[in-house]
C-alpha atoms as a PDB file:
ATOM      1  CA  UNK A   1      20.807   4.634  -8.175  1.00  0.00           C
ATOM      2  CA  UNK A   2      20.242   2.246  -5.465  1.00  0.00           C
ATOM      3  CA  UNK A   3      16.478   2.803  -5.713  1.00  0.00           C
ATOM      4  CA  UNK A   4      13.770   0.816  -7.579  1.00  0.00           C
ATOM      5  CA  UNK A   5      10.511   2.695  -8.385  1.00  0.00           C
ATOM      6  CA  UNK A   6       7.803   0.261  -8.809  1.00  0.00           C
ATOM      7  CA  UNK A   7       4.744   1.961 -10.214  1.00  0.00           C
ATOM      8  CA  UNK A   8       1.297   0.545 -10.309  1.00  0.00           C
ATOM      9  CA  UNK A   9      -0.198   0.940 -14.157  1.00  0.00           C
ATOM     10  CA  UNK A  10      -3.733  -0.395 -14.303  1.00  0.00           C
ATOM     11  CA  UNK A  11      -6.171   1.899 -15.893  1.00  0.00           C
ATOM     12  CA  UNK A  12      -8.158   3.560 -14.540  1.00  0.00           C
ATOM     13  CA  UNK A  13      -7.771   3.430 -10.712  1.00  0.00           C
ATOM     14  CA  UNK A  14      -4.943   0.680 -10.416  1.00  0.00           C
ATOM     15  CA  UNK A  15      -7.345  -2.218  -8.972  1.00  0.00           C
ATOM     16  CA  UNK A  16      -5.427  -5.229  -7.952  1.00  0.00           C
ATOM     17  CA  UNK A  17      -5.933  -7.994  -9.888  1.00  0.00           C
ATOM     18  CA  UNK A  18      -4.486 -11.444  -9.996  1.00  0.00           C
ATOM     19  CA  UNK A  19      -2.038 -10.272 -12.876  1.00  0.00           C
ATOM     20  CA  UNK A  20      -0.702  -7.322 -10.893  1.00  0.00           C
ATOM     21  CA  UNK A  21      -0.449  -9.002  -7.854  1.00  0.00           C
ATOM     22  CA  UNK A  22       1.809 -11.512  -9.464  1.00  0.00           C
ATOM     23  CA  UNK A  23       3.671  -8.715 -11.288  1.00  0.00           C
ATOM     24  CA  UNK A  24       4.282  -7.409  -7.940  1.00  0.00           C
ATOM     25  CA  UNK A  25       5.810 -10.531  -6.486  1.00  0.00           C
ATOM     26  CA  UNK A  26       7.880 -11.182  -9.537  1.00  0.00           C
ATOM     27  CA  UNK A  27       9.414  -8.112  -9.483  1.00  0.00           C
ATOM     28  CA  UNK A  28      10.119  -7.957  -5.608  1.00  0.00           C
ATOM     29  CA  UNK A  29      11.593 -11.609  -6.033  1.00  0.00           C
ATOM     30  CA  UNK A  30      13.790 -10.115  -8.862  1.00  0.00           C
ATOM     31  CA  UNK A  31      15.064  -7.252  -6.741  1.00  0.00           C
ATOM     32  CA  UNK A  32      15.886  -9.351  -3.848  1.00  0.00           C
ATOM     33  CA  UNK A  33      18.450 -10.819  -5.620  1.00  0.00           C
ATOM     34  CA  UNK A  34      19.766  -7.465  -6.996  1.00  0.00           C
ATOM     35  CA  UNK A  35      22.360  -6.349  -4.355  1.00  0.00           C
ATOM     36  CA  UNK A  36      22.826  -2.984  -6.284  1.00  0.00           C
ATOM     37  CA  UNK A  37      19.170  -2.249  -5.346  1.00  0.00           C
ATOM     38  CA  UNK A  38      18.804  -1.264  -1.646  1.00  0.00           C
ATOM     39  CA  UNK A  39      15.157  -0.064  -1.516  1.00  0.00           C
ATOM     40  CA  UNK A  40      11.926   0.004  -3.513  1.00  0.00           C
ATOM     41  CA  UNK A  41       9.320   2.934  -3.812  1.00  0.00           C
ATOM     42  CA  UNK A  42       5.617   1.616  -4.541  1.00  0.00           C
ATOM     43  CA  UNK A  43       3.588   4.746  -6.133  1.00  0.00           C
ATOM     44  CA  UNK A  44       0.762   5.118  -8.623  1.00  0.00           C
ATOM     45  CA  UNK A  45      -0.147   7.554 -11.097  1.00  0.00           C
ATOM     46  CA  UNK A  46      -1.257  10.983 -10.208  1.00  0.00           C
ATOM     47  CA  UNK A  47      -4.908  10.834  -8.396  1.00  0.00           C
ATOM     48  CA  UNK A  48      -4.713   7.104  -7.524  1.00  0.00           C
ATOM     49  CA  UNK A  49      -2.333   4.721  -5.722  1.00  0.00           C
ATOM     50  CA  UNK A  50      -4.826   1.980  -5.971  1.00  0.00           C
ATOM     51  CA  UNK A  51      -8.399   1.392  -5.495  1.00  0.00           C
ATOM     52  CA  UNK A  52      -7.699  -2.156  -3.742  1.00  0.00           C
ATOM     53  CA  UNK A  53      -8.700  -5.192  -5.062  1.00  0.00           C
ATOM     54  CA  UNK A  54     -10.698  -5.509  -8.371  1.00  0.00           C
ATOM     55  CA  UNK A  55     -13.934  -6.223  -7.075  1.00  0.00           C
ATOM     56  CA  UNK A  56     -15.481  -6.105 -10.724  1.00  0.00           C
ATOM     57  CA  UNK A  57     -13.078  -8.968 -11.620  1.00  0.00           C
ATOM     58  CA  UNK A  58     -13.538 -11.003  -8.569  1.00  0.00           C
ATOM     59  CA  UNK A  59     -17.272 -10.889  -9.124  1.00  0.00           C
ATOM     60  CA  UNK A  60     -18.881 -14.332  -9.602  1.00  0.00           C
ATOM     61  CA  UNK A  61     -15.374 -16.270  -9.271  1.00  0.00           C
ATOM     62  CA  UNK A  62     -15.880 -19.670  -7.584  1.00  0.00           C
ATOM     63  CA  UNK A  63     -14.702 -20.647  -4.161  1.00  0.00           C
ATOM     64  CA  UNK A  64     -11.307 -22.363  -5.436  1.00  0.00           C
ATOM     65  CA  UNK A  65     -10.100 -19.161  -7.477  1.00  0.00           C
ATOM     66  CA  UNK A  66     -10.981 -17.012  -4.351  1.00  0.00           C
ATOM     67  CA  UNK A  67      -8.855 -19.111  -2.122  1.00  0.00           C
ATOM     68  CA  UNK A  68      -6.106 -19.205  -4.516  1.00  0.00           C
ATOM     69  CA  UNK A  69      -6.309 -15.456  -5.196  1.00  0.00           C
ATOM     70  CA  UNK A  70      -6.580 -14.715  -1.408  1.00  0.00           C
ATOM     71  CA  UNK A  71      -3.522 -16.620  -0.983  1.00  0.00           C
ATOM     72  CA  UNK A  72      -1.490 -14.684  -3.688  1.00  0.00           C
ATOM     73  CA  UNK A  73      -2.468 -11.356  -2.205  1.00  0.00           C
ATOM     74  CA  UNK A  74      -1.711 -12.624   1.424  1.00  0.00           C
ATOM     75  CA  UNK A  75       1.984 -13.626   0.001  1.00  0.00           C
ATOM     76  CA  UNK A  76       2.432 -10.679  -1.860  1.00  0.00           C
ATOM     77  CA  UNK A  77       1.360  -8.230   1.870  1.00  0.00           C
ATOM     78  CA  UNK A  78       3.477 -10.556   3.870  1.00  0.00           C
ATOM     79  CA  UNK A  79       6.451 -10.339   1.065  1.00  0.00           C
ATOM     80  CA  UNK A  80       6.192  -6.655   1.366  1.00  0.00           C
ATOM     81  CA  UNK A  81       5.812  -6.331   5.160  1.00  0.00           C
ATOM     82  CA  UNK A  82       8.954  -8.744   5.880  1.00  0.00           C
ATOM     83  CA  UNK A  83      10.987  -7.452   3.065  1.00  0.00           C
ATOM     84  CA  UNK A  84      14.949  -7.192   4.075  1.00  0.00           C
ATOM     85  CA  UNK A  85      15.121  -4.248   2.009  1.00  0.00           C
ATOM     86  CA  UNK A  86      13.378  -0.824   2.979  1.00  0.00           C
ATOM     87  CA  UNK A  87      10.042  -0.405   1.121  1.00  0.00           C
ATOM     88  CA  UNK A  88       8.321   3.112   0.947  1.00  0.00           C
ATOM     89  CA  UNK A  89       4.957   4.059  -0.431  1.00  0.00           C
ATOM     90  CA  UNK A  90       4.598   7.327  -2.317  1.00  0.00           C
ATOM     91  CA  UNK A  91       0.754   7.704  -2.390  1.00  0.00           C
ATOM     92  CA  UNK A  92      -0.200   9.419  -5.209  1.00  0.00           C
ATOM     93  CA  UNK A  93      -3.657   9.553  -4.815  1.00  0.00           C
ATOM     94  CA  UNK A  94      -6.642   7.890  -3.624  1.00  0.00           C
ATOM     95  CA  UNK A  95      -5.782   4.533  -1.813  1.00  0.00           C
ATOM     96  CA  UNK A  96      -9.151   2.657  -0.222  1.00  0.00           C
ATOM     97  CA  UNK A  97      -9.249  -0.770   0.882  1.00  0.00           C
ATOM     98  CA  UNK A  98      -6.427  -2.924  -0.548  1.00  0.00           C
ATOM     99  CA  UNK A  99      -4.614   0.538  -1.574  1.00  0.00           C
ATOM    100  CA  UNK A 100      -4.074   0.804   2.226  1.00  0.00           C
ATOM    101  CA  UNK A 101      -3.363  -2.590   3.066  1.00  0.00           C
ATOM    102  CA  UNK A 102      -0.351  -2.490   0.439  1.00  0.00           C
ATOM    103  CA  UNK A 103       0.702   0.971   1.660  1.00  0.00           C
ATOM    104  CA  UNK A 104       0.700  -0.281   5.647  1.00  0.00           C
ATOM    105  CA  UNK A 105       2.772  -3.056   4.700  1.00  0.00           C
ATOM    106  CA  UNK A 106       5.757  -0.656   3.758  1.00  0.00           C
ATOM    107  CA  UNK A 107       8.275   0.760   6.282  1.00  0.00           C
ATOM    108  CA  UNK A 108       7.259   4.465   5.450  1.00  0.00           C
ATOM    109  CA  UNK A 109       4.228   6.321   3.708  1.00  0.00           C
ATOM    110  CA  UNK A 110       4.372   9.944   2.230  1.00  0.00           C
ATOM    111  CA  UNK A 111       1.104  10.850   0.861  1.00  0.00           C
ATOM    112  CA  UNK A 112       0.007  13.572  -2.062  1.00  0.00           C
ATOM    113  CA  UNK A 113      -1.454  16.176  -0.800  1.00  0.00           C
ATOM    114  CA  UNK A 114      -4.858  16.688  -2.177  1.00  0.00           C
ATOM    115  CA  UNK A 115      -8.601  16.150  -2.041  1.00  0.00           C
ATOM    116  CA  UNK A 116      -7.953  12.353  -1.826  1.00  0.00           C
ATOM    117  CA  UNK A 117      -9.056   9.547   0.481  1.00  0.00           C
ATOM    118  CA  UNK A 118      -7.235   6.544   2.179  1.00  0.00           C
ATOM    119  CA  UNK A 119      -8.431   4.067   4.745  1.00  0.00           C
ATOM    120  CA  UNK A 120      -9.806   0.553   5.493  1.00  0.00           C
ATOM    121  CA  UNK A 121     -13.363   0.398   4.148  1.00  0.00           C
ATOM    122  CA  UNK A 122     -13.744  -3.173   3.678  1.00  0.00           C
ATOM    123  CA  UNK A 123     -16.493  -3.663   6.472  1.00  0.00           C
ATOM    124  CA  UNK A 124     -18.521  -0.737   5.065  1.00  0.00           C
ATOM    125  CA  UNK A 125     -18.931  -2.787   1.397  1.00  0.00           C
ATOM    126  CA  UNK A 126     -19.780  -5.910   3.378  1.00  0.00           C
ATOM    127  CA  UNK A 127     -16.446  -7.777   3.364  1.00  0.00           C
ATOM    128  CA  UNK A 128     -14.582  -9.006   6.628  1.00  0.00           C
ATOM    129  CA  UNK A 129     -11.129  -7.740   8.126  1.00  0.00           C
ATOM    130  CA  UNK A 130      -8.603 -10.296   8.469  1.00  0.00           C
ATOM    131  CA  UNK A 131      -6.948 -10.572  11.570  1.00  0.00           C
ATOM    132  CA  UNK A 132      -3.217  -9.841  10.297  1.00  0.00           C
ATOM    133  CA  UNK A 133      -4.133  -6.605   8.469  1.00  0.00           C
ATOM    134  CA  UNK A 134      -6.199  -5.415  11.287  1.00  0.00           C
ATOM    135  CA  UNK A 135      -3.113  -6.145  13.721  1.00  0.00           C
ATOM    136  CA  UNK A 136      -0.829  -3.924  11.254  1.00  0.00           C
ATOM    137  CA  UNK A 137      -3.260  -1.282  11.186  1.00  0.00           C
ATOM    138  CA  UNK A 138      -3.658  -1.262  15.046  1.00  0.00           C
ATOM    139  CA  UNK A 139       0.340  -1.150  15.577  1.00  0.00           C
ATOM    140  CA  UNK A 140       0.125   2.278  13.266  1.00  0.00           C
ATOM    141  CA  UNK A 141      -2.941   3.753  14.761  1.00  0.00           C
ATOM    142  CA  UNK A 142      -3.557   2.089  18.207  1.00  0.00           C
ATOM    143  CA  UNK A 143      -5.769  -0.356  18.885  1.00  0.00           C
ATOM    144  CA  UNK A 144      -9.442   1.990  19.557  1.00  0.00           C
ATOM    145  CA  UNK A 145      -8.846   4.134  16.700  1.00  0.00           C
ATOM    146  CA  UNK A 146      -8.023   1.493  14.532  1.00  0.00           C
ATOM    147  CA  UNK A 147     -11.021  -0.509  15.605  1.00  0.00           C
ATOM    148  CA  UNK A 148     -13.397   2.431  15.267  1.00  0.00           C
ATOM    149  CA  UNK A 149     -12.281   3.347  11.894  1.00  0.00           C
ATOM    150  CA  UNK A 150     -12.466  -0.372  10.648  1.00  0.00           C
ATOM    151  CA  UNK A 151     -15.792  -1.160  11.833  1.00  0.00           C
ATOM    152  CA  UNK A 152     -17.295   2.219  10.351  1.00  0.00           C
ATOM    153  CA  UNK A 153     -14.904   2.120   7.007  1.00  0.00           C
ATOM    154  CA  UNK A 154     -13.910   5.429   7.786  1.00  0.00           C
ATOM    155  CA  UNK A 155     -11.602   6.940   4.901  1.00  0.00           C
ATOM    156  CA  UNK A 156      -9.708   9.970   5.667  1.00  0.00           C
ATOM    157  CA  UNK A 157      -8.178  12.839   3.741  1.00  0.00           C
ATOM    158  CA  UNK A 158      -4.206  13.191   3.884  1.00  0.00           C
ATOM    159  CA  UNK A 159      -4.010  15.485   6.364  1.00  0.00           C
ATOM    160  CA  UNK A 160      -5.996  13.540   8.998  1.00  0.00           C
ATOM    161  CA  UNK A 161      -4.166  10.549   7.858  1.00  0.00           C
ATOM    162  CA  UNK A 162      -0.825  12.252   9.097  1.00  0.00           C
ATOM    163  CA  UNK A 163      -2.218  13.533  12.303  1.00  0.00           C
ATOM    164  CA  UNK A 164      -3.403   9.679  13.323  1.00  0.00           C
ATOM    165  CA  UNK A 165      -0.248   8.269  12.015  1.00  0.00           C
ATOM    166  CA  UNK A 166      -1.641   6.288   9.039  1.00  0.00           C
ATOM    167  CA  UNK A 167       0.832   8.411   6.701  1.00  0.00           C
ATOM    168  CA  UNK A 168       4.079   9.672   7.882  1.00  0.00           C
ATOM    169  CA  UNK A 169       4.310  12.829   5.744  1.00  0.00           C
ATOM    170  CA  UNK A 170       2.204  14.669   3.018  1.00  0.00           C
ATOM    171  CA  UNK A 171       3.748  16.619   0.383  1.00  0.00           C
ATOM    172  CA  UNK A 172       2.738  18.646  -2.966  1.00  0.00           C
ATOM    173  CA  UNK A 173       1.688  15.923  -5.765  1.00  0.00           C
ATOM    174  CA  UNK A 174       4.554  17.479  -8.086  1.00  0.00           C
ATOM    175  CA  UNK A 175       7.208  16.562  -5.393  1.00  0.00           C
ATOM    176  CA  UNK A 176       5.830  13.359  -4.354  1.00  0.00           C
ATOM    177  CA  UNK A 177       8.155  10.944  -5.932  1.00  0.00           C
ATOM    178  CA  UNK A 178      11.722  13.071  -5.535  1.00  0.00           C
ATOM    179  CA  UNK A 179      11.017  13.865  -1.872  1.00  0.00           C
ATOM    180  CA  UNK A 180      10.237  10.189  -1.529  1.00  0.00           C
ATOM    181  CA  UNK A 181      13.540   9.182  -3.183  1.00  0.00           C
ATOM    182  CA  UNK A 182      15.262  11.773  -1.104  1.00  0.00           C
ATOM    183  CA  UNK A 183      14.126  10.570   1.999  1.00  0.00           C
ATOM    184  CA  UNK A 184      14.815   6.766   1.312  1.00  0.00           C
ATOM    185  CA  UNK A 185      18.344   8.021   0.458  1.00  0.00           C
ATOM    186  CA  UNK A 186      18.756   9.499   4.141  1.00  0.00           C
ATOM    187  CA  UNK A 187      17.307   6.173   5.245  1.00  0.00           C
ATOM    188  CA  UNK A 188      19.763   4.316   3.290  1.00  0.00           C
ATOM    189  CA  UNK A 189      22.752   6.244   4.818  1.00  0.00           C
ATOM    190  CA  UNK A 190      21.804   4.587   8.320  1.00  0.00           C
ATOM    191  CA  UNK A 191      23.849   1.691   9.448  1.00  0.00           C
ATOM    192  CA  UNK A 192      21.537  -1.469   8.887  1.00  0.00           C
END
C-alpha cells in the first residue's frame, strides 16, 4: 500500500559496507520523491537485523578512505533521523553496534523475540562513540543508563531492551513484519 519495506540482504550478518550504505541512501532518496509512499520499514533476515559496520572490509583502509566512509555513514544516519516520512525498524534478530545505531535513528523500533542481542558495544571493541550517536542513545534511555551501557559495551536481550526503552515492542519472529506494517498503518492515520 503506502509502505516501502527495505530489507538488508548482505549475507551472512548484514554487515554495513560502502555498497550497502550507498544503496540505502539511494533508496531513501528515491522514496522521498514518491508521494504514494508514506512510510518505510527497515528490516533484515530472520536472526540478523545488522551486525553493524563491516570491520573486516574496513580493516587496513587508509585515512582518506575511512574519512570518506564515515562521512557516507554519517550522511545515512542523518538522513534516517531527519527523514520527513515515518521510518520504523523491524529488528529481525541480532543488532549490535551499527545495527543499533541505524535502529535508534528510526521513529519506532519493534524487535523479534528470541535469543538476540542489541546495544552499542563500540567502546568494548576499541572504537570511540561519536557524540551525535551518543546523544540519540541518551535521548532514548536517559543520560546515566546510556552512559553506563556505552562505557561497558553492554548488549541486552529483547526483553531488557524493551524495559529500558531501547525498543518499543517485542513480538514473535513470525509476526514481526506483519505487526510492524499494521502498527505503521495506525500511525499513518494520524493527522501529521
